[in-house]
C-alpha atoms as a PDB file:
ATOM      1  CA  UNK A   1      14.835  -7.901  27.865  1.00  0.00           C
ATOM      2  CA  UNK A   2      15.612 -10.916  29.896  1.00  0.00           C
ATOM      3  CA  UNK A   3      15.987  -9.480  33.063  1.00  0.00           C
ATOM      4  CA  UNK A   4      12.831  -7.422  32.861  1.00  0.00           C
ATOM      5  CA  UNK A   5      10.938 -10.816  31.554  1.00  0.00           C
ATOM      6  CA  UNK A   6      12.003 -12.539  34.622  1.00  0.00           C
ATOM      7  CA  UNK A   7      11.115 -10.220  37.290  1.00  0.00           C
ATOM      8  CA  UNK A   8       7.253 -10.564  35.840  1.00  0.00           C
ATOM      9  CA  UNK A   9       6.583 -13.854  38.002  1.00  0.00           C
ATOM     10  CA  UNK A  10       7.757 -12.320  41.058  1.00  0.00           C
ATOM     11  CA  UNK A  11       5.748  -9.325  40.891  1.00  0.00           C
ATOM     12  CA  UNK A  12       2.451 -11.232  40.409  1.00  0.00           C
ATOM     13  CA  UNK A  13       3.191 -13.605  42.945  1.00  0.00           C
ATOM     14  CA  UNK A  14       3.416 -10.187  45.494  1.00  0.00           C
ATOM     15  CA  UNK A  15       0.202  -8.779  43.597  1.00  0.00           C
ATOM     16  CA  UNK A  16      -1.757 -11.968  43.987  1.00  0.00           C
ATOM     17  CA  UNK A  17      -0.456 -12.470  47.468  1.00  0.00           C
ATOM     18  CA  UNK A  18       1.871 -15.465  47.625  1.00  0.00           C
ATOM     19  CA  UNK A  19       4.912 -15.369  50.135  1.00  0.00           C
ATOM     20  CA  UNK A  20       7.471 -17.799  48.053  1.00  0.00           C
ATOM     21  CA  UNK A  21       8.025 -18.212  44.112  1.00  0.00           C
ATOM     22  CA  UNK A  22       9.792 -20.347  42.025  1.00  0.00           C
ATOM     23  CA  UNK A  23      11.169 -18.939  38.445  1.00  0.00           C
ATOM     24  CA  UNK A  24      13.966 -20.517  36.018  1.00  0.00           C
ATOM     25  CA  UNK A  25      16.104 -18.199  34.408  1.00  0.00           C
ATOM     26  CA  UNK A  26      20.187 -17.876  32.964  1.00  0.00           C
ATOM     27  CA  UNK A  27      20.152 -14.596  35.047  1.00  0.00           C
ATOM     28  CA  UNK A  28      18.919 -16.566  38.457  1.00  0.00           C
ATOM     29  CA  UNK A  29      20.406 -19.693  37.651  1.00  0.00           C
ATOM     30  CA  UNK A  30      18.511 -23.012  36.646  1.00  0.00           C
ATOM     31  CA  UNK A  31      15.445 -22.949  39.653  1.00  0.00           C
ATOM     32  CA  UNK A  32      15.496 -20.052  42.145  1.00  0.00           C
ATOM     33  CA  UNK A  33      13.128 -19.498  45.164  1.00  0.00           C
ATOM     34  CA  UNK A  34      12.297 -16.079  45.974  1.00  0.00           C
ATOM     35  CA  UNK A  35      10.903 -15.072  49.397  1.00  0.00           C
ATOM     36  CA  UNK A  36       9.166 -12.371  50.703  1.00  0.00           C
ATOM     37  CA  UNK A  37       7.092 -11.109  53.752  1.00  0.00           C
ATOM     38  CA  UNK A  38       3.455 -11.378  53.683  1.00  0.00           C
ATOM     39  CA  UNK A  39       3.711  -7.688  54.288  1.00  0.00           C
ATOM     40  CA  UNK A  40       5.228  -7.289  50.986  1.00  0.00           C
ATOM     41  CA  UNK A  41       1.689  -8.443  49.192  1.00  0.00           C
ATOM     42  CA  UNK A  42      -0.085  -5.817  50.776  1.00  0.00           C
ATOM     43  CA  UNK A  43       1.334  -2.943  48.606  1.00  0.00           C
ATOM     44  CA  UNK A  44      -0.564  -3.650  45.445  1.00  0.00           C
ATOM     45  CA  UNK A  45      -0.142  -0.459  43.986  1.00  0.00           C
ATOM     46  CA  UNK A  46       3.265  -0.052  43.671  1.00  0.00           C
ATOM     47  CA  UNK A  47       3.683  -3.926  42.698  1.00  0.00           C
ATOM     48  CA  UNK A  48       1.180  -3.094  40.090  1.00  0.00           C
ATOM     49  CA  UNK A  49       3.084  -0.243  38.499  1.00  0.00           C
ATOM     50  CA  UNK A  50       5.974  -2.243  38.346  1.00  0.00           C
ATOM     51  CA  UNK A  51       4.505  -5.202  36.909  1.00  0.00           C
ATOM     52  CA  UNK A  52       2.965  -2.837  34.000  1.00  0.00           C
ATOM     53  CA  UNK A  53       6.362  -1.196  33.239  1.00  0.00           C
ATOM     54  CA  UNK A  54       7.993  -4.695  33.430  1.00  0.00           C
ATOM     55  CA  UNK A  55       5.038  -6.210  30.438  1.00  0.00           C
ATOM     56  CA  UNK A  56       5.314  -3.065  28.871  1.00  0.00           C
ATOM     57  CA  UNK A  57       9.061  -3.219  28.363  1.00  0.00           C
ATOM     58  CA  UNK A  58       9.240  -6.545  27.457  1.00  0.00           C
ATOM     59  CA  UNK A  59       6.318  -6.403  24.794  1.00  0.00           C
ATOM     60  CA  UNK A  60       8.087  -2.832  23.102  1.00  0.00           C
ATOM     61  CA  UNK A  61      11.981  -4.807  23.231  1.00  0.00           C
ATOM     62  CA  UNK A  62      10.317  -8.261  21.822  1.00  0.00           C
ATOM     63  CA  UNK A  63      11.215  -9.735  18.380  1.00  0.00           C
ATOM     64  CA  UNK A  64       9.569  -9.836  15.249  1.00  0.00           C
ATOM     65  CA  UNK A  65       8.477 -12.908  15.640  1.00  0.00           C
ATOM     66  CA  UNK A  66       7.247 -12.616  19.126  1.00  0.00           C
ATOM     67  CA  UNK A  67       5.604  -9.107  17.507  1.00  0.00           C
ATOM     68  CA  UNK A  68       3.953 -10.812  14.955  1.00  0.00           C
ATOM     69  CA  UNK A  69       2.646 -13.556  17.295  1.00  0.00           C
ATOM     70  CA  UNK A  70       0.738 -11.263  19.302  1.00  0.00           C
ATOM     71  CA  UNK A  71      -2.203 -11.091  17.942  1.00  0.00           C
ATOM     72  CA  UNK A  72      -4.342 -11.091  14.293  1.00  0.00           C
ATOM     73  CA  UNK A  73      -2.787  -8.864  11.443  1.00  0.00           C
ATOM     74  CA  UNK A  74      -4.845  -6.548   9.497  1.00  0.00           C
ATOM     75  CA  UNK A  75      -4.783  -7.838   5.527  1.00  0.00           C
ATOM     76  CA  UNK A  76      -4.810  -4.543   4.476  1.00  0.00           C
ATOM     77  CA  UNK A  77      -2.281  -3.327   6.652  1.00  0.00           C
ATOM     78  CA  UNK A  78       0.498  -5.685   4.712  1.00  0.00           C
ATOM     79  CA  UNK A  79       2.263  -4.312   1.869  1.00  0.00           C
ATOM     80  CA  UNK A  80       3.035  -6.233  -1.107  1.00  0.00           C
ATOM     81  CA  UNK A  81       6.462  -5.960  -1.632  1.00  0.00           C
ATOM     82  CA  UNK A  82       7.532  -5.457  -5.734  1.00  0.00           C
ATOM     83  CA  UNK A  83       9.242  -7.682  -7.150  1.00  0.00           C
ATOM     84  CA  UNK A  84      12.990  -7.888  -7.166  1.00  0.00           C
ATOM     85  CA  UNK A  85      14.721  -5.353  -9.459  1.00  0.00           C
ATOM     86  CA  UNK A  86      11.302  -3.098  -9.823  1.00  0.00           C
ATOM     87  CA  UNK A  87      13.228  -0.185  -9.322  1.00  0.00           C
ATOM     88  CA  UNK A  88      12.900   2.987 -11.208  1.00  0.00           C
ATOM     89  CA  UNK A  89      16.801   3.512 -10.773  1.00  0.00           C
ATOM     90  CA  UNK A  90      16.900   0.114 -12.735  1.00  0.00           C
ATOM     91  CA  UNK A  91      14.384  -0.274 -15.214  1.00  0.00           C
ATOM     92  CA  UNK A  92      15.358   3.838 -16.582  1.00  0.00           C
ATOM     93  CA  UNK A  93      18.846   1.954 -17.766  1.00  0.00           C
ATOM     94  CA  UNK A  94      17.121  -0.250 -19.471  1.00  0.00           C
ATOM     95  CA  UNK A  95      16.320  -0.185 -23.252  1.00  0.00           C
ATOM     96  CA  UNK A  96      13.889   2.530 -24.070  1.00  0.00           C
ATOM     97  CA  UNK A  97      10.168   1.925 -25.195  1.00  0.00           C
ATOM     98  CA  UNK A  98       8.123   3.350 -27.683  1.00  0.00           C
ATOM     99  CA  UNK A  99       4.913   3.138 -26.653  1.00  0.00           C
ATOM    100  CA  UNK A 100       2.503   5.177 -28.255  1.00  0.00           C
ATOM    101  CA  UNK A 101      -0.581   6.700 -26.530  1.00  0.00           C
ATOM    102  CA  UNK A 102      -3.028   4.736 -27.359  1.00  0.00           C
ATOM    103  CA  UNK A 103      -1.248   1.320 -25.913  1.00  0.00           C
ATOM    104  CA  UNK A 104      -0.708   3.140 -22.671  1.00  0.00           C
ATOM    105  CA  UNK A 105      -4.164   4.079 -22.226  1.00  0.00           C
ATOM    106  CA  UNK A 106      -4.952   0.192 -23.113  1.00  0.00           C
ATOM    107  CA  UNK A 107      -2.038  -1.304 -20.195  1.00  0.00           C
ATOM    108  CA  UNK A 108      -3.458   1.422 -18.098  1.00  0.00           C
ATOM    109  CA  UNK A 109      -6.838   0.465 -18.259  1.00  0.00           C
ATOM    110  CA  UNK A 110      -5.909  -3.340 -18.273  1.00  0.00           C
ATOM    111  CA  UNK A 111      -3.418  -2.709 -14.842  1.00  0.00           C
ATOM    112  CA  UNK A 112      -6.548  -0.617 -13.306  1.00  0.00           C
ATOM    113  CA  UNK A 113      -9.310  -3.397 -14.063  1.00  0.00           C
ATOM    114  CA  UNK A 114      -7.375  -6.004 -12.768  1.00  0.00           C
ATOM    115  CA  UNK A 115      -6.222  -4.412  -9.766  1.00  0.00           C
ATOM    116  CA  UNK A 116     -10.326  -3.780  -8.621  1.00  0.00           C
ATOM    117  CA  UNK A 117     -10.847  -4.708  -5.286  1.00  0.00           C
ATOM    118  CA  UNK A 118      -7.036  -4.325  -4.903  1.00  0.00           C
ATOM    119  CA  UNK A 119      -6.207  -7.785  -5.813  1.00  0.00           C
ATOM    120  CA  UNK A 120      -2.930  -6.772  -7.071  1.00  0.00           C
ATOM    121  CA  UNK A 121      -1.964  -4.323  -4.515  1.00  0.00           C
ATOM    122  CA  UNK A 122      -3.251  -3.547  -1.405  1.00  0.00           C
ATOM    123  CA  UNK A 123      -3.933  -0.061  -1.941  1.00  0.00           C
ATOM    124  CA  UNK A 124      -4.841   2.342  -5.552  1.00  0.00           C
ATOM    125  CA  UNK A 125      -1.977   2.013  -7.673  1.00  0.00           C
ATOM    126  CA  UNK A 126       0.420   5.296  -7.969  1.00  0.00           C
ATOM    127  CA  UNK A 127       1.590   6.890 -11.233  1.00  0.00           C
ATOM    128  CA  UNK A 128       5.064   5.700 -10.853  1.00  0.00           C
ATOM    129  CA  UNK A 129       3.648   2.041 -10.562  1.00  0.00           C
ATOM    130  CA  UNK A 130       1.555   2.202 -13.492  1.00  0.00           C
ATOM    131  CA  UNK A 131       4.411   3.345 -15.178  1.00  0.00           C
ATOM    132  CA  UNK A 132       6.400   0.342 -13.943  1.00  0.00           C
ATOM    133  CA  UNK A 133       3.729  -1.830 -14.548  1.00  0.00           C
ATOM    134  CA  UNK A 134       2.430  -0.945 -17.966  1.00  0.00           C
ATOM    135  CA  UNK A 135       5.889  -1.599 -19.293  1.00  0.00           C
ATOM    136  CA  UNK A 136       8.020   1.968 -19.718  1.00  0.00           C
ATOM    137  CA  UNK A 137      11.223   1.123 -19.588  1.00  0.00           C
ATOM    138  CA  UNK A 138      14.576   3.574 -20.219  1.00  0.00           C
ATOM    139  CA  UNK A 139      13.707   7.324 -21.750  1.00  0.00           C
ATOM    140  CA  UNK A 140      10.064   6.919 -21.603  1.00  0.00           C
ATOM    141  CA  UNK A 141      10.424   5.706 -17.603  1.00  0.00           C
ATOM    142  CA  UNK A 142      13.720   8.334 -16.785  1.00  0.00           C
ATOM    143  CA  UNK A 143      11.514  11.639 -18.126  1.00  0.00           C
ATOM    144  CA  UNK A 144       8.827  10.403 -15.914  1.00  0.00           C
ATOM    145  CA  UNK A 145       9.253  11.466 -11.916  1.00  0.00           C
ATOM    146  CA  UNK A 146       6.984  11.577  -9.119  1.00  0.00           C
ATOM    147  CA  UNK A 147       5.249  15.149 -10.268  1.00  0.00           C
ATOM    148  CA  UNK A 148       6.642  15.291 -14.321  1.00  0.00           C
ATOM    149  CA  UNK A 149       5.378  12.620 -15.450  1.00  0.00           C
ATOM    150  CA  UNK A 150       5.656  13.767 -19.643  1.00  0.00           C
ATOM    151  CA  UNK A 151       5.404  10.407 -20.928  1.00  0.00           C
ATOM    152  CA  UNK A 152       2.254   8.900 -20.016  1.00  0.00           C
ATOM    153  CA  UNK A 153       0.095  12.428 -18.698  1.00  0.00           C
ATOM    154  CA  UNK A 154      -1.612  12.644 -22.351  1.00  0.00           C
ATOM    155  CA  UNK A 155      -2.800   8.815 -21.973  1.00  0.00           C
ATOM    156  CA  UNK A 156      -3.707   9.460 -17.974  1.00  0.00           C
ATOM    157  CA  UNK A 157      -5.665  13.004 -18.984  1.00  0.00           C
ATOM    158  CA  UNK A 158      -7.487  11.453 -21.745  1.00  0.00           C
ATOM    159  CA  UNK A 159      -8.460   8.539 -19.894  1.00  0.00           C
ATOM    160  CA  UNK A 160      -9.991  11.276 -17.272  1.00  0.00           C
ATOM    161  CA  UNK A 161     -11.768  13.127 -19.640  1.00  0.00           C
ATOM    162  CA  UNK A 162     -13.546  10.094 -20.985  1.00  0.00           C
ATOM    163  CA  UNK A 163     -14.684   8.651 -17.346  1.00  0.00           C
ATOM    164  CA  UNK A 164     -12.526   5.676 -17.264  1.00  0.00           C
ATOM    165  CA  UNK A 165     -10.317   6.118 -14.969  1.00  0.00           C
ATOM    166  CA  UNK A 166     -10.246   8.387 -11.278  1.00  0.00           C
ATOM    167  CA  UNK A 167      -7.785  10.014  -9.405  1.00  0.00           C
ATOM    168  CA  UNK A 168      -8.539   8.797  -5.987  1.00  0.00           C
ATOM    169  CA  UNK A 169      -5.400  10.943  -4.387  1.00  0.00           C
ATOM    170  CA  UNK A 170      -3.241  13.726  -5.080  1.00  0.00           C
ATOM    171  CA  UNK A 171      -0.908  14.165  -2.500  1.00  0.00           C
ATOM    172  CA  UNK A 172       1.904  12.868  -1.509  1.00  0.00           C
ATOM    173  CA  UNK A 173       1.263  11.253  -4.483  1.00  0.00           C
ATOM    174  CA  UNK A 174      -1.230  10.696  -7.354  1.00  0.00           C
ATOM    175  CA  UNK A 175      -3.313   7.647  -6.755  1.00  0.00           C
ATOM    176  CA  UNK A 176      -5.400   5.783  -9.965  1.00  0.00           C
ATOM    177  CA  UNK A 177      -8.700   4.118  -9.779  1.00  0.00           C
ATOM    178  CA  UNK A 178     -11.498   2.512 -12.342  1.00  0.00           C
ATOM    179  CA  UNK A 179     -14.009   5.591 -12.807  1.00  0.00           C
ATOM    180  CA  UNK A 180     -16.954   4.460 -11.685  1.00  0.00           C
ATOM    181  CA  UNK A 181     -18.925   5.592 -14.565  1.00  0.00           C
ATOM    182  CA  UNK A 182     -16.916   3.020 -16.617  1.00  0.00           C
ATOM    183  CA  UNK A 183     -17.600   0.006 -14.509  1.00  0.00           C
ATOM    184  CA  UNK A 184     -21.518   0.531 -13.660  1.00  0.00           C
ATOM    185  CA  UNK A 185     -22.435  -1.954 -16.371  1.00  0.00           C
ATOM    186  CA  UNK A 186     -19.584  -4.208 -15.780  1.00  0.00           C
ATOM    187  CA  UNK A 187     -15.806  -4.092 -17.529  1.00  0.00           C
ATOM    188  CA  UNK A 188     -14.081  -5.423 -20.326  1.00  0.00           C
ATOM    189  CA  UNK A 189     -12.289  -8.420 -20.126  1.00  0.00           C
ATOM    190  CA  UNK A 190      -8.684  -8.394 -19.094  1.00  0.00           C
ATOM    191  CA  UNK A 191      -5.603 -11.410 -19.522  1.00  0.00           C
ATOM    192  CA  UNK A 192      -5.407 -12.072 -15.649  1.00  0.00           C
ATOM    193  CA  UNK A 193      -1.909 -14.118 -17.338  1.00  0.00           C
ATOM    194  CA  UNK A 194       1.001 -12.754 -15.768  1.00  0.00           C
ATOM    195  CA  UNK A 195       3.275 -14.294 -18.766  1.00  0.00           C
ATOM    196  CA  UNK A 196       0.521 -12.474 -20.956  1.00  0.00           C
ATOM    197  CA  UNK A 197      -1.116  -9.412 -19.633  1.00  0.00           C
ATOM    198  CA  UNK A 198      -1.318  -7.356 -22.385  1.00  0.00           C
ATOM    199  CA  UNK A 199      -3.209 -10.041 -25.137  1.00  0.00           C
ATOM    200  CA  UNK A 200      -7.187  -8.855 -24.893  1.00  0.00           C
ATOM    201  CA  UNK A 201      -5.347  -5.232 -24.817  1.00  0.00           C
ATOM    202  CA  UNK A 202      -6.586  -5.108 -28.272  1.00  0.00           C
ATOM    203  CA  UNK A 203     -10.097  -5.177 -27.638  1.00  0.00           C
ATOM    204  CA  UNK A 204      -9.844  -1.916 -25.773  1.00  0.00           C
ATOM    205  CA  UNK A 205     -11.682   1.156 -27.623  1.00  0.00           C
ATOM    206  CA  UNK A 206     -11.449   4.678 -26.529  1.00  0.00           C
ATOM    207  CA  UNK A 207     -13.671   7.364 -28.494  1.00  0.00           C
ATOM    208  CA  UNK A 208     -10.439   9.962 -28.356  1.00  0.00           C
ATOM    209  CA  UNK A 209      -6.582   8.818 -28.034  1.00  0.00           C
ATOM    210  CA  UNK A 210      -4.930  12.011 -29.587  1.00  0.00           C
ATOM    211  CA  UNK A 211      -4.857  14.856 -27.260  1.00  0.00           C
ATOM    212  CA  UNK A 212      -6.676  18.206 -28.433  1.00  0.00           C
ATOM    213  CA  UNK A 213      -4.752  20.799 -29.812  1.00  0.00           C
ATOM    214  CA  UNK A 214      -6.399  23.685 -27.563  1.00  0.00           C
ATOM    215  CA  UNK A 215      -7.422  23.547 -23.960  1.00  0.00           C
ATOM    216  CA  UNK A 216      -6.927  20.918 -20.887  1.00  0.00           C
ATOM    217  CA  UNK A 217      -6.649  17.583 -21.775  1.00  0.00           C
ATOM    218  CA  UNK A 218      -8.747  16.069 -19.537  1.00  0.00           C
ATOM    219  CA  UNK A 219     -11.354  18.159 -19.712  1.00  0.00           C
ATOM    220  CA  UNK A 220     -15.092  17.853 -21.254  1.00  0.00           C
ATOM    221  CA  UNK A 221     -16.179  18.829 -23.754  1.00  0.00           C
ATOM    222  CA  UNK A 222     -20.263  19.454 -23.956  1.00  0.00           C
ATOM    223  CA  UNK A 223     -22.500  20.988 -26.565  1.00  0.00           C
ATOM    224  CA  UNK A 224     -23.272  24.691 -25.312  1.00  0.00           C
ATOM    225  CA  UNK A 225     -26.464  25.306 -23.406  1.00  0.00           C
ATOM    226  CA  UNK A 226     -27.956  27.877 -25.410  1.00  0.00           C
ATOM    227  CA  UNK A 227     -26.412  27.337 -29.383  1.00  0.00           C
ATOM    228  CA  UNK A 228     -27.603  30.401 -30.308  1.00  0.00           C
ATOM    229  CA  UNK A 229     -26.282  32.794 -27.794  1.00  0.00           C
ATOM    230  CA  UNK A 230     -22.457  30.664 -28.457  1.00  0.00           C
ATOM    231  CA  UNK A 231     -22.544  32.069 -32.255  1.00  0.00           C
ATOM    232  CA  UNK A 232     -22.788  35.290 -31.635  1.00  0.00           C
END
């Protein structure tokens, strides 16, 4: 990396048409003067190609500090790291929680309201992140994997049917956000205190908190358009 960067001033001087250039590095000593004939400066195409190669390799071999200082970093590209100890392998070994479906629905809604505008995470929350953030531990988290989240699936499905949340992406993992119909006229207040995040969950009420006996949980059941025909 240092050798390629040390040749960059020499190539720049040659392209500019200079006959002497002084550079300093540990490779050439404290100060080294290079002299080349003027005819060398005429061959610009060869030197420009070499200069591009040197600069490209110097950037690719740069340290992390150099790469971060190379330009503005887009905030949306910076992934927020989870707190230490929030791994599924560790949380599923903790004492089992016993959250009801209604409590899960209230906590899911609270977490997604707090993430409006991507304030909590830089991207929509996945199912696994939701399971960890609402406080599922032990068996409730152990039996809910990436594709088989039996403990929280009824709560998510009923929130979908009531148009409280919506699925943004289904592959490679499901991600969730607050439904536009739910926040059209504003969302209910939630606790923004990380020490007491569920303080205002009791004010969240839903039309239904018990899964239906038949049919899909996330389905919307409407009155028939022609009731007389439906009775036949």
